[in-house]
Every structure is written in C-alpha cells, then in structure tokens.
C-alpha cells in the first residue's frame, strides 16, 4: 500500500484541480440549501479520510486480507489465467466521493445516499474499495469461472 498523504496535502491537491474545486464549491452551496452547514464537503471528506486511513493502516486490514484470500482462491482455480487486485487509494476515494456527490446530489432516485453520505455509510455506498481483475483463457473457461463466482457471491 502506498504511503498515505497527510490530510492537508491531500485536500490541497484536490483544490488545485480546477474541476474538483468547482465541484466542491457547488456542493458547499447545495449542502447549505439542504441544511448541512458550512464546509460540509470538507468535514465529510476529512472524517472519511480519517476512518479509511485507520482501516488501511491496520495490520489486520480487512480489505488487504480479503484481497489476499481472493488471490489465493483464484490461483488455485484451474480456469484462471491471471489475477490482479488492488485496494483503493485514499486520494481516489476522496475524489470519487466528491465526484459522485456532485453528479447525483439532485437525483431523486439515488441522490439521497450521496447527500447523506457519512463515515458510517461510505463503505456501503462506494462499492469498489477492493477491485479484482480476473482473466480466463477463453470464453468457455470464462463461463465456468463466472458460474463459480455466482455460486460464491450470488448473482448480482
């Protein structure tokens, strides 16, 4: 896992991106309209940063353990050509939260989960904290492997 930047450095990097900075300003205005208070995006992102930092620094990091277990499982599966897994980096997580909140804030169907995002809910809302890429040798092996995963995880 790469070194975790300080909160101040991460936030400065986000603000240096003109598009992200504009989205933060737009979110701040929307948050005020919805009664969240000033600098809600900053405070929300800082809380999530703190929680995720603790999670990924932990020696028993559940994401890293799951990544390892998944890699071990797949290496033993005969229909897998290659496996690559990663845990989402903290900068990417915070950036994604800003982008998703900005994109879906006003959406009546899914906007509420992004408007009300918190350090207690982000792990349920952001579904790619762990990513795995699996390559099968051919279409038939892919189908076999796909069925295997559906048995383990259910048809999503």
C-alpha atoms as a PDB file:
ATOM      1  CA  UNK A   1       0.000   0.000   0.000  1.00  0.00           C
ATOM      2  CA  UNK A   2       1.450   3.405  -0.937  1.00  0.00           C
ATOM      3  CA  UNK A   3       2.169   5.925   1.791  1.00  0.00           C
ATOM      4  CA  UNK A   4      -0.883   7.854   2.915  1.00  0.00           C
ATOM      5  CA  UNK A   5      -0.597  11.608   2.324  1.00  0.00           C
ATOM      6  CA  UNK A   6      -1.452  13.981   5.153  1.00  0.00           C
ATOM      7  CA  UNK A   7      -4.992  15.329   5.103  1.00  0.00           C
ATOM      8  CA  UNK A   8      -3.759  18.866   4.388  1.00  0.00           C
ATOM      9  CA  UNK A   9      -1.660  17.730   1.412  1.00  0.00           C
ATOM     10  CA  UNK A  10      -4.467  15.610   0.014  1.00  0.00           C
ATOM     11  CA  UNK A  11      -7.004  18.444   0.311  1.00  0.00           C
ATOM     12  CA  UNK A  12      -4.586  20.950  -1.287  1.00  0.00           C
ATOM     13  CA  UNK A  13      -4.068  18.543  -4.189  1.00  0.00           C
ATOM     14  CA  UNK A  14      -7.838  18.254  -4.662  1.00  0.00           C
ATOM     15  CA  UNK A  15      -8.296  22.029  -4.561  1.00  0.00           C
ATOM     16  CA  UNK A  16      -5.504  22.512  -7.114  1.00  0.00           C
ATOM     17  CA  UNK A  17      -7.657  20.679  -9.664  1.00  0.00           C
ATOM     18  CA  UNK A  18      -9.965  23.351 -11.114  1.00  0.00           C
ATOM     19  CA  UNK A  19     -12.778  20.909 -11.919  1.00  0.00           C
ATOM     20  CA  UNK A  20     -12.728  19.341  -8.446  1.00  0.00           C
ATOM     21  CA  UNK A  21     -12.515  22.752  -6.801  1.00  0.00           C
ATOM     22  CA  UNK A  22     -15.587  23.917  -8.766  1.00  0.00           C
ATOM     23  CA  UNK A  23     -17.499  20.786  -7.722  1.00  0.00           C
ATOM     24  CA  UNK A  24     -16.597  21.349  -4.052  1.00  0.00           C
ATOM     25  CA  UNK A  25     -17.914  24.918  -4.273  1.00  0.00           C
ATOM     26  CA  UNK A  26     -21.123  23.705  -5.934  1.00  0.00           C
ATOM     27  CA  UNK A  27     -21.535  21.014  -3.250  1.00  0.00           C
ATOM     28  CA  UNK A  28     -20.981  23.563  -0.485  1.00  0.00           C
ATOM     29  CA  UNK A  29     -23.823  25.688  -1.882  1.00  0.00           C
ATOM     30  CA  UNK A  30     -26.125  22.655  -2.205  1.00  0.00           C
ATOM     31  CA  UNK A  31     -25.235  21.431   1.278  1.00  0.00           C
ATOM     32  CA  UNK A  32     -26.210  24.811   2.734  1.00  0.00           C
ATOM     33  CA  UNK A  33     -29.584  24.612   0.932  1.00  0.00           C
ATOM     34  CA  UNK A  34     -30.163  21.164   2.432  1.00  0.00           C
ATOM     35  CA  UNK A  35     -29.191  22.345   5.919  1.00  0.00           C
ATOM     36  CA  UNK A  36     -25.840  20.584   6.311  1.00  0.00           C
ATOM     37  CA  UNK A  37     -23.887  23.656   7.377  1.00  0.00           C
ATOM     38  CA  UNK A  38     -20.787  25.343   6.034  1.00  0.00           C
ATOM     39  CA  UNK A  39     -17.874  23.335   4.671  1.00  0.00           C
ATOM     40  CA  UNK A  40     -19.846  20.091   4.850  1.00  0.00           C
ATOM     41  CA  UNK A  41     -17.877  18.562   1.959  1.00  0.00           C
ATOM     42  CA  UNK A  42     -14.574  19.379   3.668  1.00  0.00           C
ATOM     43  CA  UNK A  43     -15.737  17.964   7.013  1.00  0.00           C
ATOM     44  CA  UNK A  44     -17.287  14.865   5.438  1.00  0.00           C
ATOM     45  CA  UNK A  45     -14.189  14.100   3.380  1.00  0.00           C
ATOM     46  CA  UNK A  46     -11.924  14.646   6.388  1.00  0.00           C
ATOM     47  CA  UNK A  47     -13.999  12.223   8.510  1.00  0.00           C
ATOM     48  CA  UNK A  48     -13.916   9.592   5.766  1.00  0.00           C
ATOM     49  CA  UNK A  49     -10.184  10.204   5.270  1.00  0.00           C
ATOM     50  CA  UNK A  50      -9.594   9.582   8.981  1.00  0.00           C
ATOM     51  CA  UNK A  51     -11.702   6.411   9.018  1.00  0.00           C
ATOM     52  CA  UNK A  52     -10.231   4.962   5.819  1.00  0.00           C
ATOM     53  CA  UNK A  53      -6.677   5.834   6.919  1.00  0.00           C
ATOM     54  CA  UNK A  54      -7.158   3.803  10.082  1.00  0.00           C
ATOM     55  CA  UNK A  55      -8.672   0.954   8.072  1.00  0.00           C
ATOM     56  CA  UNK A  56      -5.845   0.691   5.544  1.00  0.00           C
ATOM     57  CA  UNK A  57      -3.062   1.231   8.116  1.00  0.00           C
ATOM     58  CA  UNK A  58      -4.369  -1.576  10.311  1.00  0.00           C
ATOM     59  CA  UNK A  59      -2.165  -4.681  10.256  1.00  0.00           C
ATOM     60  CA  UNK A  60      -5.357  -6.718  10.038  1.00  0.00           C
ATOM     61  CA  UNK A  61      -6.835  -4.525   7.316  1.00  0.00           C
ATOM     62  CA  UNK A  62      -9.923  -6.441   6.177  1.00  0.00           C
ATOM     63  CA  UNK A  63      -9.559  -5.177   2.608  1.00  0.00           C
ATOM     64  CA  UNK A  64      -5.973  -6.422   2.349  1.00  0.00           C
ATOM     65  CA  UNK A  65      -6.931  -9.727   3.955  1.00  0.00           C
ATOM     66  CA  UNK A  66      -9.814 -10.137   1.511  1.00  0.00           C
ATOM     67  CA  UNK A  67      -7.506  -9.252  -1.380  1.00  0.00           C
ATOM     68  CA  UNK A  68      -5.034 -11.925  -0.267  1.00  0.00           C
ATOM     69  CA  UNK A  69      -7.766 -14.534   0.273  1.00  0.00           C
ATOM     70  CA  UNK A  70      -9.257 -13.791  -3.141  1.00  0.00           C
ATOM     71  CA  UNK A  71      -5.838 -14.021  -4.817  1.00  0.00           C
ATOM     72  CA  UNK A  72      -5.117 -17.330  -3.067  1.00  0.00           C
ATOM     73  CA  UNK A  73      -8.520 -18.733  -4.009  1.00  0.00           C
ATOM     74  CA  UNK A  74      -8.208 -17.735  -7.648  1.00  0.00           C
ATOM     75  CA  UNK A  75      -4.658 -19.031  -8.054  1.00  0.00           C
ATOM     76  CA  UNK A  76      -5.955 -22.482  -7.187  1.00  0.00           C
ATOM     77  CA  UNK A  77      -8.805 -22.259  -9.697  1.00  0.00           C
ATOM     78  CA  UNK A  78      -7.821 -24.030 -12.939  1.00  0.00           C
ATOM     79  CA  UNK A  79      -9.746 -21.702 -15.255  1.00  0.00           C
ATOM     80  CA  UNK A  80      -7.921 -18.512 -14.305  1.00  0.00           C
ATOM     81  CA  UNK A  81      -5.131 -17.160 -16.467  1.00  0.00           C
ATOM     82  CA  UNK A  82      -4.207 -14.135 -14.348  1.00  0.00           C
ATOM     83  CA  UNK A  83      -5.372 -12.260 -11.266  1.00  0.00           C
ATOM     84  CA  UNK A  84      -4.737  -8.656 -10.236  1.00  0.00           C
ATOM     85  CA  UNK A  85      -6.209  -6.997  -7.150  1.00  0.00           C
ATOM     86  CA  UNK A  86      -5.894  -3.588  -5.552  1.00  0.00           C
ATOM     87  CA  UNK A  87      -7.203  -1.647  -2.571  1.00  0.00           C
ATOM     88  CA  UNK A  88      -8.479   1.824  -3.497  1.00  0.00           C
ATOM     89  CA  UNK A  89      -6.015   4.566  -2.650  1.00  0.00           C
ATOM     90  CA  UNK A  90      -7.224   7.253  -0.278  1.00  0.00           C
ATOM     91  CA  UNK A  91      -6.881  10.135  -2.764  1.00  0.00           C
ATOM     92  CA  UNK A  92      -9.004   8.212  -5.285  1.00  0.00           C
ATOM     93  CA  UNK A  93     -11.627   7.511  -2.635  1.00  0.00           C
ATOM     94  CA  UNK A  94     -11.992  11.146  -1.573  1.00  0.00           C
ATOM     95  CA  UNK A  95     -12.017  12.309  -5.194  1.00  0.00           C
ATOM     96  CA  UNK A  96     -14.694   9.741  -6.064  1.00  0.00           C
ATOM     97  CA  UNK A  97     -16.856  10.871  -3.148  1.00  0.00           C
ATOM     98  CA  UNK A  98     -16.717  14.466  -4.370  1.00  0.00           C
ATOM     99  CA  UNK A  99     -17.436  13.477  -7.976  1.00  0.00           C
ATOM    100  CA  UNK A 100     -20.314  11.160  -7.070  1.00  0.00           C
ATOM    101  CA  UNK A 101     -21.913  13.605  -4.658  1.00  0.00           C
ATOM    102  CA  UNK A 102     -21.720  16.308  -7.316  1.00  0.00           C
ATOM    103  CA  UNK A 103     -23.123  14.063 -10.055  1.00  0.00           C
ATOM    104  CA  UNK A 104     -26.009  12.541  -8.100  1.00  0.00           C
ATOM    105  CA  UNK A 105     -26.855  15.181  -5.476  1.00  0.00           C
ATOM    106  CA  UNK A 106     -30.097  16.289  -7.099  1.00  0.00           C
ATOM    107  CA  UNK A 107     -31.077  12.841  -8.418  1.00  0.00           C
ATOM    108  CA  UNK A 108     -34.315  11.851  -6.715  1.00  0.00           C
ATOM    109  CA  UNK A 109     -33.627   8.112  -7.024  1.00  0.00           C
ATOM    110  CA  UNK A 110     -30.045   7.714  -5.786  1.00  0.00           C
ATOM    111  CA  UNK A 111     -29.132  11.221  -4.689  1.00  0.00           C
ATOM    112  CA  UNK A 112     -30.138  10.735  -1.055  1.00  0.00           C
ATOM    113  CA  UNK A 113     -27.422   8.182  -0.342  1.00  0.00           C
ATOM    114  CA  UNK A 114     -24.811  10.643  -1.655  1.00  0.00           C
ATOM    115  CA  UNK A 115     -26.332  13.672   0.078  1.00  0.00           C
ATOM    116  CA  UNK A 116     -26.410  11.784   3.385  1.00  0.00           C
ATOM    117  CA  UNK A 117     -23.070  10.040   2.950  1.00  0.00           C
ATOM    118  CA  UNK A 118     -21.081   9.726   6.182  1.00  0.00           C
ATOM    119  CA  UNK A 119     -18.079   7.953   7.633  1.00  0.00           C
ATOM    120  CA  UNK A 120     -20.555   5.297   8.766  1.00  0.00           C
ATOM    121  CA  UNK A 121     -22.099   4.703   5.320  1.00  0.00           C
ATOM    122  CA  UNK A 122     -19.387   5.298   2.705  1.00  0.00           C
ATOM    123  CA  UNK A 123     -18.194   1.657   2.827  1.00  0.00           C
ATOM    124  CA  UNK A 124     -21.667   0.555   1.736  1.00  0.00           C
ATOM    125  CA  UNK A 125     -22.088   3.232  -0.928  1.00  0.00           C
ATOM    126  CA  UNK A 126     -18.620   3.158  -2.525  1.00  0.00           C
ATOM    127  CA  UNK A 127     -18.510  -0.404  -3.792  1.00  0.00           C
ATOM    128  CA  UNK A 128     -15.018  -0.542  -5.298  1.00  0.00           C
ATOM    129  CA  UNK A 129     -12.796  -0.197  -2.238  1.00  0.00           C
ATOM    130  CA  UNK A 130     -11.367  -3.535  -3.352  1.00  0.00           C
ATOM    131  CA  UNK A 131     -11.013  -4.283  -7.043  1.00  0.00           C
ATOM    132  CA  UNK A 132     -10.134  -7.596  -8.642  1.00  0.00           C
ATOM    133  CA  UNK A 133      -9.406  -8.321 -12.294  1.00  0.00           C
ATOM    134  CA  UNK A 134      -9.508 -11.941 -13.412  1.00  0.00           C
ATOM    135  CA  UNK A 135      -8.585 -13.152 -16.898  1.00  0.00           C
ATOM    136  CA  UNK A 136      -9.717 -16.529 -18.231  1.00  0.00           C
ATOM    137  CA  UNK A 137      -8.035 -18.269 -21.162  1.00  0.00           C
ATOM    138  CA  UNK A 138     -11.144 -18.492 -23.356  1.00  0.00           C
ATOM    139  CA  UNK A 139     -14.923 -17.975 -23.389  1.00  0.00           C
ATOM    140  CA  UNK A 140     -15.757 -21.443 -22.097  1.00  0.00           C
ATOM    141  CA  UNK A 141     -13.371 -21.076 -19.151  1.00  0.00           C
ATOM    142  CA  UNK A 142     -14.850 -17.639 -18.508  1.00  0.00           C
ATOM    143  CA  UNK A 143     -18.346 -19.143 -18.294  1.00  0.00           C
ATOM    144  CA  UNK A 144     -17.155 -21.839 -15.890  1.00  0.00           C
ATOM    145  CA  UNK A 145     -15.448 -19.242 -13.721  1.00  0.00           C
ATOM    146  CA  UNK A 146     -18.416 -16.867 -13.912  1.00  0.00           C
ATOM    147  CA  UNK A 147     -20.732 -19.641 -12.682  1.00  0.00           C
ATOM    148  CA  UNK A 148     -18.288 -20.430  -9.887  1.00  0.00           C
ATOM    149  CA  UNK A 149     -18.283 -16.805  -8.709  1.00  0.00           C
ATOM    150  CA  UNK A 150     -22.069 -16.632  -8.876  1.00  0.00           C
ATOM    151  CA  UNK A 151     -22.248 -19.682  -6.618  1.00  0.00           C
ATOM    152  CA  UNK A 152     -19.950 -17.997  -4.098  1.00  0.00           C
ATOM    153  CA  UNK A 153     -21.302 -14.448  -4.217  1.00  0.00           C
ATOM    154  CA  UNK A 154     -24.761 -14.915  -5.724  1.00  0.00           C
ATOM    155  CA  UNK A 155     -25.977 -13.445  -8.982  1.00  0.00           C
ATOM    156  CA  UNK A 156     -25.513  -9.700  -8.592  1.00  0.00           C
END
